[in-house]
Amino acid sequence: MHTNKEILNQGIKKAMWSLPCFFIGPVVIHFAYLNPLQPTYYLILGIGITIAISAMVFLFLGLKTIMKALFGN
């Protein structure tokens, strides 16, 4: 079996996008919980949750693409 390096690079790029999101998302959520009385509480909390969920999605898509590159269709 032969590895498709172009698809492998795409998968690695997708997975690398998840790394900053794994750190930024919880930090934003933590900042939202520090100020629950602020009027922007729900907005900041929503942004943090969206970033955290996008981190999981990017990692899943990256790993799925890497597996496709390594093992074929």
PDB file of N, CA and C in Angstrom:
ATOM      1  N   MET A   1       0.834  -1.171   0.000  1.00  0.00           N
ATOM      2  CA  MET A   1       0.000   0.000   0.000  1.00  0.00           C
ATOM      3  C   MET A   1       0.884   1.240   0.000  1.00  0.00           C
ATOM      4  N   HIS A   2       0.392   2.252  -0.631  1.00  0.00           N
ATOM      5  CA  HIS A   2       1.195   3.449  -0.773  1.00  0.00           C
ATOM      6  C   HIS A   2       0.438   4.655  -0.198  1.00  0.00           C
ATOM      7  N   THR A   3       1.149   5.547   0.472  1.00  0.00           N
ATOM      8  CA  THR A   3       0.535   6.683   1.145  1.00  0.00           C
ATOM      9  C   THR A   3       0.422   7.856   0.190  1.00  0.00           C
ATOM     10  N   ASN A   4      -0.754   8.428   0.114  1.00  0.00           N
ATOM     11  CA  ASN A   4      -0.967   9.623  -0.692  1.00  0.00           C
ATOM     12  C   ASN A   4      -0.546  10.835   0.131  1.00  0.00           C
ATOM     13  N   LYS A   5       0.594  11.436  -0.218  1.00  0.00           N
ATOM     14  CA  LYS A   5       1.176  12.495   0.609  1.00  0.00           C
ATOM     15  C   LYS A   5       0.386  13.794   0.537  1.00  0.00           C
ATOM     16  N   GLU A   6      -0.282  14.057  -0.579  1.00  0.00           N
ATOM     17  CA  GLU A   6      -1.078  15.280  -0.672  1.00  0.00           C
ATOM     18  C   GLU A   6      -2.266  15.232   0.289  1.00  0.00           C
ATOM     19  N   ILE A   7      -2.947  14.095   0.317  1.00  0.00           N
ATOM     20  CA  ILE A   7      -4.084  13.952   1.234  1.00  0.00           C
ATOM     21  C   ILE A   7      -3.596  13.919   2.678  1.00  0.00           C
ATOM     22  N   LEU A   8      -2.441  13.316   2.914  1.00  0.00           N
ATOM     23  CA  LEU A   8      -1.871  13.289   4.262  1.00  0.00           C
ATOM     24  C   LEU A   8      -1.570  14.701   4.745  1.00  0.00           C
ATOM     25  N   ASN A   9      -0.999  15.546   3.887  1.00  0.00           N
ATOM     26  CA  ASN A   9      -0.713  16.930   4.264  1.00  0.00           C
ATOM     27  C   ASN A   9      -1.993  17.706   4.551  1.00  0.00           C
ATOM     28  N   GLN A  10      -3.046  17.456   3.781  1.00  0.00           N
ATOM     29  CA  GLN A  10      -4.320  18.117   4.050  1.00  0.00           C
ATOM     30  C   GLN A  10      -4.863  17.714   5.417  1.00  0.00           C
ATOM     31  N   GLY A  11      -4.748  16.437   5.748  1.00  0.00           N
ATOM     32  CA  GLY A  11      -5.213  15.970   7.048  1.00  0.00           C
ATOM     33  C   GLY A  11      -4.426  16.552   8.202  1.00  0.00           C
ATOM     34  N   ILE A  12      -3.128  16.655   8.016  1.00  0.00           N
ATOM     35  CA  ILE A  12      -2.293  17.240   9.066  1.00  0.00           C
ATOM     36  C   ILE A  12      -2.625  18.716   9.252  1.00  0.00           C
ATOM     37  N   LYS A  13      -2.868  19.427   8.164  1.00  0.00           N
ATOM     38  CA  LYS A  13      -3.244  20.843   8.273  1.00  0.00           C
ATOM     39  C   LYS A  13      -4.562  21.000   9.015  1.00  0.00           C
ATOM     40  N   LYS A  14      -5.543  20.148   8.718  1.00  0.00           N
ATOM     41  CA  LYS A  14      -6.823  20.217   9.421  1.00  0.00           C
ATOM     42  C   LYS A  14      -6.640  19.926  10.903  1.00  0.00           C
ATOM     43  N   ALA A  15      -5.824  18.937  11.214  1.00  0.00           N
ATOM     44  CA  ALA A  15      -5.600  18.593  12.622  1.00  0.00           C
ATOM     45  C   ALA A  15      -4.827  19.697  13.341  1.00  0.00           C
ATOM     46  N   MET A  16      -3.938  20.366  12.636  1.00  0.00           N
ATOM     47  CA  MET A  16      -3.166  21.442  13.262  1.00  0.00           C
ATOM     48  C   MET A  16      -4.038  22.655  13.588  1.00  0.00           C
ATOM     49  N   TRP A  17      -5.108  22.873  12.830  1.00  0.00           N
ATOM     50  CA  TRP A  17      -6.024  23.963  13.138  1.00  0.00           C
ATOM     51  C   TRP A  17      -6.726  23.724  14.471  1.00  0.00           C
ATOM     52  N   SER A  18      -6.838  22.489  14.879  1.00  0.00           N
ATOM     53  CA  SER A  18      -7.542  22.199  16.129  1.00  0.00           C
ATOM     54  C   SER A  18      -6.697  22.534  17.353  1.00  0.00           C
ATOM     55  N   LEU A  19      -5.388  22.500  17.237  1.00  0.00           N
ATOM     56  CA  LEU A  19      -4.536  22.728  18.414  1.00  0.00           C
ATOM     57  C   LEU A  19      -4.738  24.099  19.056  1.00  0.00           C
ATOM     58  N   PRO A  20      -4.704  25.205  18.296  1.00  0.00           N
ATOM     59  CA  PRO A  20      -4.963  26.485  18.976  1.00  0.00           C
ATOM     60  C   PRO A  20      -6.376  26.565  19.552  1.00  0.00           C
ATOM     61  N   CYS A  21      -7.328  25.953  18.855  1.00  0.00           N
ATOM     62  CA  CYS A  21      -8.711  25.995  19.340  1.00  0.00           C
ATOM     63  C   CYS A  21      -8.866  25.243  20.654  1.00  0.00           C
ATOM     64  N   PHE A  22      -8.084  24.172  20.857  1.00  0.00           N
ATOM     65  CA  PHE A  22      -8.165  23.428  22.112  1.00  0.00           C
ATOM     66  C   PHE A  22      -7.699  24.268  23.301  1.00  0.00           C
ATOM     67  N   PHE A  23      -6.865  25.276  23.060  1.00  0.00           N
ATOM     68  CA  PHE A  23      -6.418  26.138  24.143  1.00  0.00           C
ATOM     69  C   PHE A  23      -7.252  27.413  24.241  1.00  0.00           C
ATOM     70  N   ILE A  24      -7.643  27.972  23.109  1.00  0.00           N
ATOM     71  CA  ILE A  24      -8.376  29.239  23.116  1.00  0.00           C
ATOM     72  C   ILE A  24      -9.805  29.048  23.627  1.00  0.00           C
ATOM     73  N   GLY A  25     -10.459  27.963  23.219  1.00  0.00           N
ATOM     74  CA  GLY A  25     -11.846  27.730  23.621  1.00  0.00           C
ATOM     75  C   GLY A  25     -12.053  27.700  25.129  1.00  0.00           C
ATOM     76  N   PRO A  26     -11.334  26.865  25.868  1.00  0.00           N
ATOM     77  CA  PRO A  26     -11.523  26.853  27.330  1.00  0.00           C
ATOM     78  C   PRO A  26     -11.139  28.169  28.010  1.00  0.00           C
ATOM     79  N   VAL A  27     -10.169  28.877  27.456  1.00  0.00           N
ATOM     80  CA  VAL A  27      -9.791  30.166  28.048  1.00  0.00           C
ATOM     81  C   VAL A  27     -10.935  31.163  27.897  1.00  0.00           C
ATOM     82  N   VAL A  28     -11.552  31.204  26.725  1.00  0.00           N
ATOM     83  CA  VAL A  28     -12.672  32.114  26.500  1.00  0.00           C
ATOM     84  C   VAL A  28     -13.861  31.729  27.384  1.00  0.00           C
ATOM     85  N   ILE A  29     -14.118  30.435  27.517  1.00  0.00           N
ATOM     86  CA  ILE A  29     -15.202  29.983  28.401  1.00  0.00           C
ATOM     87  C   ILE A  29     -14.907  30.383  29.850  1.00  0.00           C
ATOM     88  N   HIS A  30     -13.662  30.247  30.264  1.00  0.00           N
ATOM     89  CA  HIS A  30     -13.282  30.628  31.630  1.00  0.00           C
ATOM     90  C   HIS A  30     -13.483  32.124  31.845  1.00  0.00           C
ATOM     91  N   PHE A  31     -13.096  32.943  30.867  1.00  0.00           N
ATOM     92  CA  PHE A  31     -13.304  34.390  30.990  1.00  0.00           C
ATOM     93  C   PHE A  31     -14.786  34.734  31.051  1.00  0.00           C
ATOM     94  N   ALA A  32     -15.608  33.975  30.346  1.00  0.00           N
ATOM     95  CA  ALA A  32     -17.050  34.223  30.411  1.00  0.00           C
ATOM     96  C   ALA A  32     -17.573  33.927  31.814  1.00  0.00           C
ATOM     97  N   TYR A  33     -17.102  32.842  32.426  1.00  0.00           N
ATOM     98  CA  TYR A  33     -17.579  32.494  33.764  1.00  0.00           C
ATOM     99  C   TYR A  33     -17.018  33.409  34.849  1.00  0.00           C
ATOM    100  N   LEU A  34     -15.961  34.144  34.546  1.00  0.00           N
ATOM    101  CA  LEU A  34     -15.446  35.098  35.524  1.00  0.00           C
ATOM    102  C   LEU A  34     -16.364  36.312  35.670  1.00  0.00           C
ATOM    103  N   ASN A  35     -17.082  36.660  34.605  1.00  0.00           N
ATOM    104  CA  ASN A  35     -17.945  37.836  34.625  1.00  0.00           C
ATOM    105  C   ASN A  35     -19.379  37.484  34.226  1.00  0.00           C
ATOM    106  N   PRO A  36     -20.091  36.719  35.044  1.00  0.00           N
ATOM    107  CA  PRO A  36     -21.449  36.321  34.633  1.00  0.00           C
ATOM    108  C   PRO A  36     -22.466  37.463  34.664  1.00  0.00           C
ATOM    109  N   LEU A  37     -22.137  38.568  35.307  1.00  0.00           N
ATOM    110  CA  LEU A  37     -23.092  39.676  35.398  1.00  0.00           C
ATOM    111  C   LEU A  37     -22.948  40.663  34.249  1.00  0.00           C
ATOM    112  N   GLN A  38     -21.953  40.506  33.421  1.00  0.00           N
ATOM    113  CA  GLN A  38     -21.755  41.415  32.293  1.00  0.00           C
ATOM    114  C   GLN A  38     -22.830  41.163  31.232  1.00  0.00           C
ATOM    115  N   PRO A  39     -23.183  42.197  30.483  1.00  0.00           N
ATOM    116  CA  PRO A  39     -24.210  41.999  29.441  1.00  0.00           C
ATOM    117  C   PRO A  39     -23.732  41.128  28.278  1.00  0.00           C
ATOM    118  N   THR A  40     -22.443  40.983  28.112  1.00  0.00           N
ATOM    119  CA  THR A  40     -21.908  40.174  27.010  1.00  0.00           C
ATOM    120  C   THR A  40     -21.578  38.747  27.443  1.00  0.00           C
ATOM    121  N   TYR A  41     -22.090  38.329  28.605  1.00  0.00           N
ATOM    122  CA  TYR A  41     -21.790  37.004  29.148  1.00  0.00           C
ATOM    123  C   TYR A  41     -22.168  35.894  28.176  1.00  0.00           C
ATOM    124  N   TYR A  42     -23.403  35.930  27.675  1.00  0.00           N
ATOM    125  CA  TYR A  42     -23.865  34.853  26.798  1.00  0.00           C
ATOM    126  C   TYR A  42     -23.154  34.879  25.451  1.00  0.00           C
ATOM    127  N   LEU A  43     -22.812  36.058  24.977  1.00  0.00           N
ATOM    128  CA  LEU A  43     -22.082  36.160  23.717  1.00  0.00           C
ATOM    129  C   LEU A  43     -20.690  35.541  23.842  1.00  0.00           C
ATOM    130  N   ILE A  44     -19.969  35.888  24.893  1.00  0.00           N
ATOM    131  CA  ILE A  44     -18.616  35.357  25.094  1.00  0.00           C
ATOM    132  C   ILE A  44     -18.668  33.857  25.363  1.00  0.00           C
ATOM    133  N   LEU A  45     -19.641  33.413  26.134  1.00  0.00           N
ATOM    134  CA  LEU A  45     -19.783  31.983  26.404  1.00  0.00           C
ATOM    135  C   LEU A  45     -20.094  31.220  25.120  1.00  0.00           C
ATOM    136  N   GLY A  46     -20.954  31.775  24.286  1.00  0.00           N
ATOM    137  CA  GLY A  46     -21.276  31.140  23.007  1.00  0.00           C
ATOM    138  C   GLY A  46     -20.084  31.059  22.083  1.00  0.00           C
ATOM    139  N   ILE A  47     -19.281  32.112  22.059  1.00  0.00           N
ATOM    140  CA  ILE A  47     -18.067  32.103  21.236  1.00  0.00           C
ATOM    141  C   ILE A  47     -17.099  31.045  21.741  1.00  0.00           C
ATOM    142  N   GLY A  48     -16.929  30.942  23.049  1.00  0.00           N
ATOM    143  CA  GLY A  48     -16.026  29.943  23.620  1.00  0.00           C
ATOM    144  C   GLY A  48     -16.482  28.525  23.341  1.00  0.00           C
ATOM    145  N   ILE A  49     -17.773  28.280  23.457  1.00  0.00           N
ATOM    146  CA  ILE A  49     -18.295  26.941  23.183  1.00  0.00           C
ATOM    147  C   ILE A  49     -18.141  26.607  21.706  1.00  0.00           C
ATOM    148  N   THR A  50     -18.378  27.598  20.843  1.00  0.00           N
ATOM    149  CA  THR A  50     -18.211  27.382  19.406  1.00  0.00           C
ATOM    150  C   THR A  50     -16.763  27.055  19.059  1.00  0.00           C
ATOM    151  N   ILE A  51     -15.819  27.744  19.674  1.00  0.00           N
ATOM    152  CA  ILE A  51     -14.399  27.466  19.424  1.00  0.00           C
ATOM    153  C   ILE A  51     -14.035  26.073  19.920  1.00  0.00           C
ATOM    154  N   ALA A  52     -14.535  25.690  21.084  1.00  0.00           N
ATOM    155  CA  ALA A  52     -14.228  24.360  21.624  1.00  0.00           C
ATOM    156  C   ALA A  52     -14.815  23.249  20.752  1.00  0.00           C
ATOM    157  N   ILE A  53     -16.031  23.438  20.271  1.00  0.00           N
ATOM    158  CA  ILE A  53     -16.638  22.432  19.398  1.00  0.00           C
ATOM    159  C   ILE A  53     -15.911  22.368  18.063  1.00  0.00           C
ATOM    160  N   SER A  54     -15.504  23.526  17.541  1.00  0.00           N
ATOM    161  CA  SER A  54     -14.769  23.526  16.269  1.00  0.00           C
ATOM    162  C   SER A  54     -13.428  22.819  16.412  1.00  0.00           C
ATOM    163  N   ALA A  55     -12.815  22.881  17.577  1.00  0.00           N
ATOM    164  CA  ALA A  55     -11.562  22.162  17.790  1.00  0.00           C
ATOM    165  C   ALA A  55     -11.774  20.662  17.657  1.00  0.00           C
ATOM    166  N   MET A  56     -12.856  20.156  18.235  1.00  0.00           N
ATOM    167  CA  MET A  56     -13.138  18.724  18.133  1.00  0.00           C
ATOM    168  C   MET A  56     -13.474  18.318  16.705  1.00  0.00           C
ATOM    169  N   VAL A  57     -14.214  19.176  16.001  1.00  0.00           N
ATOM    170  CA  VAL A  57     -14.577  18.874  14.617  1.00  0.00           C
ATOM    171  C   VAL A  57     -13.343  18.866  13.722  1.00  0.00           C
ATOM    172  N   PHE A  58     -12.471  19.879  13.878  1.00  0.00           N
ATOM    173  CA  PHE A  58     -11.249  19.931  13.069  1.00  0.00           C
ATOM    174  C   PHE A  58     -10.372  18.713  13.317  1.00  0.00           C
ATOM    175  N   LEU A  59     -10.259  18.289  14.572  1.00  0.00           N
ATOM    176  CA  LEU A  59      -9.434  17.127  14.869  1.00  0.00           C
ATOM    177  C   LEU A  59     -10.037  15.867  14.252  1.00  0.00           C
ATOM    178  N   PHE A  60     -11.348  15.702  14.356  1.00  0.00           N
ATOM    179  CA  PHE A  60     -12.000  14.542  13.774  1.00  0.00           C
ATOM    180  C   PHE A  60     -11.809  14.524  12.258  1.00  0.00           C
ATOM    181  N   LEU A  61     -12.030  15.658  11.600  1.00  0.00           N
ATOM    182  CA  LEU A  61     -11.869  15.706  10.147  1.00  0.00           C
ATOM    183  C   LEU A  61     -10.413  15.469   9.732  1.00  0.00           C
ATOM    184  N   GLY A  62      -9.482  16.007  10.513  1.00  0.00           N
ATOM    185  CA  GLY A  62      -8.077  15.786  10.212  1.00  0.00           C
ATOM    186  C   GLY A  62      -7.684  14.330  10.345  1.00  0.00           C
ATOM    187  N   LEU A  63      -8.117  13.675  11.417  1.00  0.00           N
ATOM    188  CA  LEU A  63      -7.798  12.259  11.606  1.00  0.00           C
ATOM    189  C   LEU A  63      -8.474  11.389  10.548  1.00  0.00           C
ATOM    190  N   LYS A  64      -9.683  11.764  10.172  1.00  0.00           N
ATOM    191  CA  LYS A  64     -10.385  11.022   9.127  1.00  0.00           C
ATOM    192  C   LYS A  64      -9.629  11.127   7.802  1.00  0.00           C
ATOM    193  N   THR A  65      -9.127  12.316   7.487  1.00  0.00           N
ATOM    194  CA  THR A  65      -8.368  12.511   6.250  1.00  0.00           C
ATOM    195  C   THR A  65      -7.030  11.790   6.301  1.00  0.00           C
ATOM    196  N   ILE A  66      -6.389  11.792   7.460  1.00  0.00           N
ATOM    197  CA  ILE A  66      -5.114  11.081   7.610  1.00  0.00           C
ATOM    198  C   ILE A  66      -5.324   9.584   7.436  1.00  0.00           C
ATOM    199  N   MET A  67      -6.384   9.049   7.998  1.00  0.00           N
ATOM    200  CA  MET A  67      -6.665   7.615   7.826  1.00  0.00           C
ATOM    201  C   MET A  67      -6.955   7.282   6.371  1.00  0.00           C
ATOM    202  N   LYS A  68      -7.645   8.189   5.677  1.00  0.00           N
ATOM    203  CA  LYS A  68      -7.909   7.961   4.262  1.00  0.00           C
ATOM    204  C   LYS A  68      -6.597   7.958   3.470  1.00  0.00           C
ATOM    205  N   ALA A  69      -5.665   8.826   3.839  1.00  0.00           N
ATOM    206  CA  ALA A  69      -4.380   8.884   3.133  1.00  0.00           C
ATOM    207  C   ALA A  69      -3.540   7.640   3.409  1.00  0.00           C
ATOM    208  N   LEU A  70      -3.610   7.121   4.621  1.00  0.00           N
ATOM    209  CA  LEU A  70      -2.779   5.977   4.980  1.00  0.00           C
ATOM    210  C   LEU A  70      -3.346   4.653   4.475  1.00  0.00           C
ATOM    211  N   PHE A  71      -4.657   4.483   4.587  1.00  0.00           N
ATOM    212  CA  PHE A  71      -5.258   3.199   4.300  1.00  0.00           C
ATOM    213  C   PHE A  71      -6.113   3.174   3.032  1.00  0.00           C
ATOM    214  N   GLY A  72      -6.244   4.290   2.353  1.00  0.00           N
ATOM    215  CA  GLY A  72      -7.045   4.337   1.133  1.00  0.00           C
ATOM    216  C   GLY A  72      -8.514   4.510   1.452  1.00  0.00           C
ATOM    217  N   ASN A  73      -9.347   4.342   0.441  1.00  0.00           N
ATOM    218  CA  ASN A  73     -10.793   4.529   0.634  1.00  0.00           C
ATOM    219  C   ASN A  73     -11.327   3.339   1.342  1.00  0.00           C
TER     220      ASN A  73
END
